[in-house]
Amino acid sequence: MSTPFRKILVFAANPKHTSELRLGEEVREIEEGLRRSQYRDRFALTSKWAVRVRDVYRYMLDIQPQIVHFSGHGEGAEVSAT
């Protein structure tokens, strides 16, 4: 009996004029943790960078992940994604 495949989607954003985050290192740690896991073949990791609010909706629909990881800064209000 096989275990269901899980898609992990990582969103990262570090807008200009905000303090620099170590987003690349954070994603690398997640990738390394999965690679070392006994169950690594049960996961697929996709990362998206410089994500805007409207991108979140699109990637969620396109990729349909079971696990979502957000990392970064927000920057003020954004116009509706419609």
PDB file of N, CA and C in Angstrom:
ATOM      1  N   MET A   1       0.853  -1.184   0.000  1.00  0.00           N
ATOM      2  CA  MET A   1       0.000   0.000   0.000  1.00  0.00           C
ATOM      3  C   MET A   1       0.890   1.236   0.000  1.00  0.00           C
ATOM      4  N   SER A   2       0.700   2.125  -0.960  1.00  0.00           N
ATOM      5  CA  SER A   2       1.540   3.318  -1.038  1.00  0.00           C
ATOM      6  C   SER A   2       0.883   4.494  -0.322  1.00  0.00           C
ATOM      7  N   THR A   3       1.731   5.333   0.218  1.00  0.00           N
ATOM      8  CA  THR A   3       1.268   6.539   0.900  1.00  0.00           C
ATOM      9  C   THR A   3       1.066   7.639  -0.140  1.00  0.00           C
ATOM     10  N   PRO A   4       0.033   8.473   0.012  1.00  0.00           N
ATOM     11  CA  PRO A   4      -0.215   9.539  -0.967  1.00  0.00           C
ATOM     12  C   PRO A   4       0.980  10.483  -1.108  1.00  0.00           C
ATOM     13  N   PHE A   5       1.187  10.946  -2.310  1.00  0.00           N
ATOM     14  CA  PHE A   5       2.223  11.917  -2.639  1.00  0.00           C
ATOM     15  C   PHE A   5       1.787  13.289  -2.133  1.00  0.00           C
ATOM     16  N   ARG A   6       2.687  14.051  -1.528  1.00  0.00           N
ATOM     17  CA  ARG A   6       2.374  15.374  -0.979  1.00  0.00           C
ATOM     18  C   ARG A   6       3.191  16.455  -1.679  1.00  0.00           C
ATOM     19  N   LYS A   7       2.498  17.521  -2.091  1.00  0.00           N
ATOM     20  CA  LYS A   7       3.170  18.663  -2.713  1.00  0.00           C
ATOM     21  C   LYS A   7       3.352  19.755  -1.662  1.00  0.00           C
ATOM     22  N   ILE A   8       4.562  20.259  -1.563  1.00  0.00           N
ATOM     23  CA  ILE A   8       4.883  21.350  -0.646  1.00  0.00           C
ATOM     24  C   ILE A   8       5.195  22.576  -1.494  1.00  0.00           C
ATOM     25  N   LEU A   9       4.559  23.690  -1.170  1.00  0.00           N
ATOM     26  CA  LEU A   9       4.785  24.942  -1.879  1.00  0.00           C
ATOM     27  C   LEU A   9       5.347  25.958  -0.892  1.00  0.00           C
ATOM     28  N   VAL A  10       6.518  26.512  -1.221  1.00  0.00           N
ATOM     29  CA  VAL A  10       7.162  27.513  -0.381  1.00  0.00           C
ATOM     30  C   VAL A  10       7.047  28.866  -1.074  1.00  0.00           C
ATOM     31  N   PHE A  11       6.464  29.838  -0.375  1.00  0.00           N
ATOM     32  CA  PHE A  11       6.385  31.208  -0.850  1.00  0.00           C
ATOM     33  C   PHE A  11       7.424  32.033  -0.109  1.00  0.00           C
ATOM     34  N   ALA A  12       8.201  32.830  -0.831  1.00  0.00           N
ATOM     35  CA  ALA A  12       9.208  33.686  -0.205  1.00  0.00           C
ATOM     36  C   ALA A  12       9.100  35.098  -0.775  1.00  0.00           C
ATOM     37  N   ALA A  13       9.213  36.089   0.100  1.00  0.00           N
ATOM     38  CA  ALA A  13       9.162  37.478  -0.338  1.00  0.00           C
ATOM     39  C   ALA A  13      10.017  38.329   0.586  1.00  0.00           C
ATOM     40  N   ASN A  14      10.856  39.132  -0.017  1.00  0.00           N
ATOM     41  CA  ASN A  14      11.702  40.072   0.713  1.00  0.00           C
ATOM     42  C   ASN A  14      11.711  41.386  -0.078  1.00  0.00           C
ATOM     43  N   PRO A  15      10.612  42.175   0.034  1.00  0.00           N
ATOM     44  CA  PRO A  15      10.496  43.396  -0.764  1.00  0.00           C
ATOM     45  C   PRO A  15      11.663  44.358  -0.546  1.00  0.00           C
ATOM     46  N   LYS A  16      11.888  45.189  -1.553  1.00  0.00           N
ATOM     47  CA  LYS A  16      12.913  46.229  -1.445  1.00  0.00           C
ATOM     48  C   LYS A  16      12.608  47.099  -0.229  1.00  0.00           C
ATOM     49  N   HIS A  17      13.630  47.651   0.332  1.00  0.00           N
ATOM     50  CA  HIS A  17      13.519  48.565   1.484  1.00  0.00           C
ATOM     51  C   HIS A  17      13.017  47.878   2.748  1.00  0.00           C
ATOM     52  N   THR A  18      13.197  46.570   2.837  1.00  0.00           N
ATOM     53  CA  THR A  18      12.911  45.857   4.079  1.00  0.00           C
ATOM     54  C   THR A  18      14.208  45.174   4.506  1.00  0.00           C
ATOM     55  N   SER A  19      14.291  44.793   5.761  1.00  0.00           N
ATOM     56  CA  SER A  19      15.518  44.143   6.213  1.00  0.00           C
ATOM     57  C   SER A  19      15.726  42.834   5.464  1.00  0.00           C
ATOM     58  N   GLU A  20      16.986  42.560   5.141  1.00  0.00           N
ATOM     59  CA  GLU A  20      17.336  41.365   4.368  1.00  0.00           C
ATOM     60  C   GLU A  20      17.106  40.105   5.201  1.00  0.00           C
ATOM     61  N   LEU A  21      16.399  39.170   4.630  1.00  0.00           N
ATOM     62  CA  LEU A  21      16.162  37.885   5.275  1.00  0.00           C
ATOM     63  C   LEU A  21      17.021  36.824   4.602  1.00  0.00           C
ATOM     64  N   ARG A  22      17.184  35.708   5.243  1.00  0.00           N
ATOM     65  CA  ARG A  22      17.991  34.601   4.702  1.00  0.00           C
ATOM     66  C   ARG A  22      17.061  33.543   4.121  1.00  0.00           C
ATOM     67  N   LEU A  23      16.262  33.972   3.158  1.00  0.00           N
ATOM     68  CA  LEU A  23      15.233  33.095   2.599  1.00  0.00           C
ATOM     69  C   LEU A  23      15.828  31.914   1.850  1.00  0.00           C
ATOM     70  N   GLY A  24      16.881  32.148   1.100  1.00  0.00           N
ATOM     71  CA  GLY A  24      17.528  31.057   0.370  1.00  0.00           C
ATOM     72  C   GLY A  24      18.024  29.979   1.306  1.00  0.00           C
ATOM     73  N   GLU A  25      18.604  30.399   2.416  1.00  0.00           N
ATOM     74  CA  GLU A  25      19.091  29.429   3.402  1.00  0.00           C
ATOM     75  C   GLU A  25      17.940  28.660   4.035  1.00  0.00           C
ATOM     76  N   GLU A  26      16.836  29.347   4.276  1.00  0.00           N
ATOM     77  CA  GLU A  26      15.676  28.683   4.877  1.00  0.00           C
ATOM     78  C   GLU A  26      15.123  27.601   3.944  1.00  0.00           C
ATOM     79  N   VAL A  27      14.996  27.926   2.666  1.00  0.00           N
ATOM     80  CA  VAL A  27      14.496  26.946   1.698  1.00  0.00           C
ATOM     81  C   VAL A  27      15.487  25.795   1.559  1.00  0.00           C
ATOM     82  N   ARG A  28      16.772  26.105   1.547  1.00  0.00           N
ATOM     83  CA  ARG A  28      17.787  25.050   1.459  1.00  0.00           C
ATOM     84  C   ARG A  28      17.684  24.089   2.642  1.00  0.00           C
ATOM     85  N   GLU A  29      17.439  24.609   3.844  1.00  0.00           N
ATOM     86  CA  GLU A  29      17.269  23.755   5.026  1.00  0.00           C
ATOM     87  C   GLU A  29      16.065  22.832   4.879  1.00  0.00           C
ATOM     88  N   ILE A  30      14.980  23.349   4.327  1.00  0.00           N
ATOM     89  CA  ILE A  30      13.793  22.518   4.108  1.00  0.00           C
ATOM     90  C   ILE A  30      14.127  21.422   3.096  1.00  0.00           C
ATOM     91  N   GLU A  31      14.794  21.792   1.999  1.00  0.00           N
ATOM     92  CA  GLU A  31      15.176  20.809   0.976  1.00  0.00           C
ATOM     93  C   GLU A  31      16.087  19.727   1.550  1.00  0.00           C
ATOM     94  N   GLU A  32      17.074  20.141   2.331  1.00  0.00           N
ATOM     95  CA  GLU A  32      17.994  19.168   2.925  1.00  0.00           C
ATOM     96  C   GLU A  32      17.283  18.248   3.902  1.00  0.00           C
ATOM     97  N   GLY A  33      16.365  18.795   4.684  1.00  0.00           N
ATOM     98  CA  GLY A  33      15.599  17.975   5.613  1.00  0.00           C
ATOM     99  C   GLY A  33      14.780  16.926   4.883  1.00  0.00           C
ATOM    100  N   LEU A  34      14.151  17.325   3.788  1.00  0.00           N
ATOM    101  CA  LEU A  34      13.385  16.361   3.000  1.00  0.00           C
ATOM    102  C   LEU A  34      14.297  15.319   2.368  1.00  0.00           C
ATOM    103  N   ARG A  35      15.435  15.753   1.844  1.00  0.00           N
ATOM    104  CA  ARG A  35      16.370  14.836   1.193  1.00  0.00           C
ATOM    105  C   ARG A  35      16.876  13.763   2.158  1.00  0.00           C
ATOM    106  N   ARG A  36      17.035  14.125   3.415  1.00  0.00           N
ATOM    107  CA  ARG A  36      17.535  13.184   4.427  1.00  0.00           C
ATOM    108  C   ARG A  36      16.436  12.326   5.035  1.00  0.00           C
ATOM    109  N   SER A  37      15.208  12.671   4.742  1.00  0.00           N
ATOM    110  CA  SER A  37      14.077  11.962   5.323  1.00  0.00           C
ATOM    111  C   SER A  37      13.905  10.574   4.713  1.00  0.00           C
ATOM    112  N   GLN A  38      13.472   9.677   5.526  1.00  0.00           N
ATOM    113  CA  GLN A  38      13.154   8.324   5.076  1.00  0.00           C
ATOM    114  C   GLN A  38      12.027   8.349   4.040  1.00  0.00           C
ATOM    115  N   TYR A  39      11.172   9.362   4.104  1.00  0.00           N
ATOM    116  CA  TYR A  39      10.004   9.448   3.238  1.00  0.00           C
ATOM    117  C   TYR A  39      10.165  10.483   2.124  1.00  0.00           C
ATOM    118  N   ARG A  40      11.397  10.783   1.742  1.00  0.00           N
ATOM    119  CA  ARG A  40      11.670  11.839   0.757  1.00  0.00           C
ATOM    120  C   ARG A  40      10.951  11.638  -0.566  1.00  0.00           C
ATOM    121  N   ASP A  41      10.715  10.410  -0.961  1.00  0.00           N
ATOM    122  CA  ASP A  41      10.058  10.139  -2.241  1.00  0.00           C
ATOM    123  C   ASP A  41       8.560  10.430  -2.211  1.00  0.00           C
ATOM    124  N   ARG A  42       8.055  10.757  -1.060  1.00  0.00           N
ATOM    125  CA  ARG A  42       6.621  11.041  -0.926  1.00  0.00           C
ATOM    126  C   ARG A  42       6.315  12.536  -1.011  1.00  0.00           C
ATOM    127  N   PHE A  43       7.355  13.358  -1.220  1.00  0.00           N
ATOM    128  CA  PHE A  43       7.172  14.807  -1.245  1.00  0.00           C
ATOM    129  C   PHE A  43       7.797  15.422  -2.486  1.00  0.00           C
ATOM    130  N   ALA A  44       7.161  16.485  -2.961  1.00  0.00           N
ATOM    131  CA  ALA A  44       7.717  17.307  -4.040  1.00  0.00           C
ATOM    132  C   ALA A  44       7.686  18.742  -3.546  1.00  0.00           C
ATOM    133  N   LEU A  45       8.833  19.399  -3.572  1.00  0.00           N
ATOM    134  CA  LEU A  45       8.940  20.771  -3.078  1.00  0.00           C
ATOM    135  C   LEU A  45       9.067  21.724  -4.251  1.00  0.00           C
ATOM    136  N   THR A  46       8.228  22.760  -4.245  1.00  0.00           N
ATOM    137  CA  THR A  46       8.290  23.833  -5.227  1.00  0.00           C
ATOM    138  C   THR A  46       8.429  25.132  -4.452  1.00  0.00           C
ATOM    139  N   SER A  47       9.375  25.979  -4.857  1.00  0.00           N
ATOM    140  CA  SER A  47       9.514  27.283  -4.196  1.00  0.00           C
ATOM    141  C   SER A  47       9.265  28.396  -5.201  1.00  0.00           C
ATOM    142  N   LYS A  48       8.605  29.433  -4.737  1.00  0.00           N
ATOM    143  CA  LYS A  48       8.294  30.609  -5.551  1.00  0.00           C
ATOM    144  C   LYS A  48       8.820  31.836  -4.821  1.00  0.00           C
ATOM    145  N   TRP A  49       9.526  32.688  -5.557  1.00  0.00           N
ATOM    146  CA  TRP A  49      10.244  33.824  -4.980  1.00  0.00           C
ATOM    147  C   TRP A  49       9.614  35.141  -5.397  1.00  0.00           C
ATOM    148  N   ALA A  50       9.846  36.174  -4.581  1.00  0.00           N
ATOM    149  CA  ALA A  50       9.332  37.523  -4.832  1.00  0.00           C
ATOM    150  C   ALA A  50       7.818  37.476  -5.070  1.00  0.00           C
ATOM    151  N   VAL A  51       7.137  36.744  -4.230  1.00  0.00           N
ATOM    152  CA  VAL A  51       5.707  36.490  -4.390  1.00  0.00           C
ATOM    153  C   VAL A  51       4.885  37.704  -3.982  1.00  0.00           C
ATOM    154  N   ARG A  52       3.904  38.019  -4.804  1.00  0.00           N
ATOM    155  CA  ARG A  52       2.930  39.070  -4.501  1.00  0.00           C
ATOM    156  C   ARG A  52       1.619  38.398  -4.106  1.00  0.00           C
ATOM    157  N   VAL A  53       0.699  39.165  -3.557  1.00  0.00           N
ATOM    158  CA  VAL A  53      -0.581  38.602  -3.108  1.00  0.00           C
ATOM    159  C   VAL A  53      -1.275  37.874  -4.252  1.00  0.00           C
ATOM    160  N   ARG A  54      -1.346  38.488  -5.421  1.00  0.00           N
ATOM    161  CA  ARG A  54      -2.049  37.846  -6.544  1.00  0.00           C
ATOM    162  C   ARG A  54      -1.351  36.564  -6.987  1.00  0.00           C
ATOM    163  N   ASP A  55      -0.033  36.469  -6.776  1.00  0.00           N
ATOM    164  CA  ASP A  55       0.698  35.243  -7.120  1.00  0.00           C
ATOM    165  C   ASP A  55       0.264  34.078  -6.235  1.00  0.00           C
ATOM    166  N   VAL A  56      -0.017  34.354  -4.976  1.00  0.00           N
ATOM    167  CA  VAL A  56      -0.414  33.298  -4.039  1.00  0.00           C
ATOM    168  C   VAL A  56      -1.646  32.571  -4.567  1.00  0.00           C
ATOM    169  N   TYR A  57      -2.656  33.316  -4.978  1.00  0.00           N
ATOM    170  CA  TYR A  57      -3.875  32.704  -5.506  1.00  0.00           C
ATOM    171  C   TYR A  57      -3.569  31.827  -6.723  1.00  0.00           C
ATOM    172  N   ARG A  58      -2.795  32.358  -7.635  1.00  0.00           N
ATOM    173  CA  ARG A  58      -2.491  31.637  -8.878  1.00  0.00           C
ATOM    174  C   ARG A  58      -1.706  30.355  -8.613  1.00  0.00           C
ATOM    175  N   TYR A  59      -0.657  30.444  -7.788  1.00  0.00           N
ATOM    176  CA  TYR A  59       0.155  29.263  -7.509  1.00  0.00           C
ATOM    177  C   TYR A  59      -0.623  28.208  -6.729  1.00  0.00           C
ATOM    178  N   MET A  60      -1.490  28.652  -5.840  1.00  0.00           N
ATOM    179  CA  MET A  60      -2.305  27.691  -5.095  1.00  0.00           C
ATOM    180  C   MET A  60      -3.208  26.904  -6.053  1.00  0.00           C
ATOM    181  N   LEU A  61      -3.792  27.592  -7.018  1.00  0.00           N
ATOM    182  CA  LEU A  61      -4.650  26.914  -7.992  1.00  0.00           C
ATOM    183  C   LEU A  61      -3.843  26.045  -8.949  1.00  0.00           C
ATOM    184  N   ASP A  62      -2.705  26.538  -9.410  1.00  0.00           N
ATOM    185  CA  ASP A  62      -1.884  25.803 -10.374  1.00  0.00           C
ATOM    186  C   ASP A  62      -1.241  24.557  -9.765  1.00  0.00           C
ATOM    187  N   ILE A  63      -0.689  24.688  -8.572  1.00  0.00           N
ATOM    188  CA  ILE A  63       0.092  23.604  -7.968  1.00  0.00           C
ATOM    189  C   ILE A  63      -0.750  22.705  -7.068  1.00  0.00           C
ATOM    190  N   GLN A  64      -1.761  23.258  -6.445  1.00  0.00           N
ATOM    191  CA  GLN A  64      -2.649  22.531  -5.527  1.00  0.00           C
ATOM    192  C   GLN A  64      -1.858  21.771  -4.451  1.00  0.00           C
ATOM    193  N   PRO A  65      -1.089  22.515  -3.656  1.00  0.00           N
ATOM    194  CA  PRO A  65      -0.258  21.870  -2.628  1.00  0.00           C
ATOM    195  C   PRO A  65      -1.087  21.400  -1.439  1.00  0.00           C
ATOM    196  N   GLN A  66      -0.544  20.399  -0.730  1.00  0.00           N
ATOM    197  CA  GLN A  66      -1.142  19.969   0.528  1.00  0.00           C
ATOM    198  C   GLN A  66      -0.496  20.704   1.704  1.00  0.00           C
ATOM    199  N   ILE A  67       0.732  21.184   1.494  1.00  0.00           N
ATOM    200  CA  ILE A  67       1.473  21.896   2.534  1.00  0.00           C
ATOM    201  C   ILE A  67       1.973  23.208   1.945  1.00  0.00           C
ATOM    202  N   VAL A  68       1.781  24.307   2.677  1.00  0.00           N
ATOM    203  CA  VAL A  68       2.227  25.628   2.234  1.00  0.00           C
ATOM    204  C   VAL A  68       3.087  26.244   3.329  1.00  0.00           C
ATOM    205  N   HIS A  69       4.239  26.791   2.935  1.00  0.00           N
ATOM    206  CA  HIS A  69       5.156  27.446   3.865  1.00  0.00           C
ATOM    207  C   HIS A  69       5.369  28.872   3.382  1.00  0.00           C
ATOM    208  N   PHE A  70       5.059  29.855   4.228  1.00  0.00           N
ATOM    209  CA  PHE A  70       5.257  31.260   3.902  1.00  0.00           C
ATOM    210  C   PHE A  70       6.481  31.765   4.647  1.00  0.00           C
ATOM    211  N   SER A  71       7.310  32.541   3.956  1.00  0.00           N
ATOM    212  CA  SER A  71       8.464  33.127   4.606  1.00  0.00           C
ATOM    213  C   SER A  71       8.755  34.484   3.983  1.00  0.00           C
ATOM    214  N   GLY A  72       8.976  35.487   4.827  1.00  0.00           N
ATOM    215  CA  GLY A  72       9.342  36.786   4.288  1.00  0.00           C
ATOM    216  C   GLY A  72       8.660  37.928   4.987  1.00  0.00           C
ATOM    217  N   HIS A  73       8.720  39.053   4.309  1.00  0.00           N
ATOM    218  CA  HIS A  73       8.108  40.292   4.779  1.00  0.00           C
ATOM    219  C   HIS A  73       6.914  40.618   3.905  1.00  0.00           C
ATOM    220  N   GLY A  74       5.961  41.318   4.471  1.00  0.00           N
ATOM    221  CA  GLY A  74       4.902  41.915   3.684  1.00  0.00           C
ATOM    222  C   GLY A  74       5.252  43.378   3.500  1.00  0.00           C
ATOM    223  N   GLU A  75       4.557  44.035   2.604  1.00  0.00           N
ATOM    224  CA  GLU A  75       4.838  45.451   2.377  1.00  0.00           C
ATOM    225  C   GLU A  75       3.544  46.171   2.084  1.00  0.00           C
ATOM    226  N   GLY A  76       2.914  46.744   3.099  1.00  0.00           N
ATOM    227  CA  GLY A  76       1.738  47.567   2.906  1.00  0.00           C
ATOM    228  C   GLY A  76       0.580  46.852   2.230  1.00  0.00           C
ATOM    229  N   ALA A  77      -0.404  47.648   1.832  1.00  0.00           N
ATOM    230  CA  ALA A  77      -1.597  47.112   1.178  1.00  0.00           C
ATOM    231  C   ALA A  77      -1.346  46.966  -0.317  1.00  0.00           C
ATOM    232  N   GLU A  78      -1.991  46.000  -0.888  1.00  0.00           N
ATOM    233  CA  GLU A  78      -1.892  45.787  -2.332  1.00  0.00           C
ATOM    234  C   GLU A  78      -3.281  45.837  -2.924  1.00  0.00           C
ATOM    235  N   VAL A  79      -3.350  46.237  -4.173  1.00  0.00           N
ATOM    236  CA  VAL A  79      -4.628  46.305  -4.888  1.00  0.00           C
ATOM    237  C   VAL A  79      -5.167  44.893  -5.058  1.00  0.00           C
ATOM    238  N   SER A  80      -6.480  44.754  -5.117  1.00  0.00           N
ATOM    239  CA  SER A  80      -7.131  43.450  -5.247  1.00  0.00           C
ATOM    240  C   SER A  80      -6.527  42.621  -6.366  1.00  0.00           C
ATOM    241  N   ALA A  81      -6.528  41.306  -6.173  1.00  0.00           N
ATOM    242  CA  ALA A  81      -5.921  40.374  -7.127  1.00  0.00           C
ATOM    243  C   ALA A  81      -6.871  39.999  -8.255  1.00  0.00           C
ATOM    244  N   THR A  82      -8.015  40.585  -8.328  1.00  0.00           N
ATOM    245  CA  THR A  82      -8.973  40.216  -9.384  1.00  0.00           C
ATOM    246  C   THR A  82      -8.647  40.832 -10.703  1.00  0.00           C
TER     247      THR A  82
END
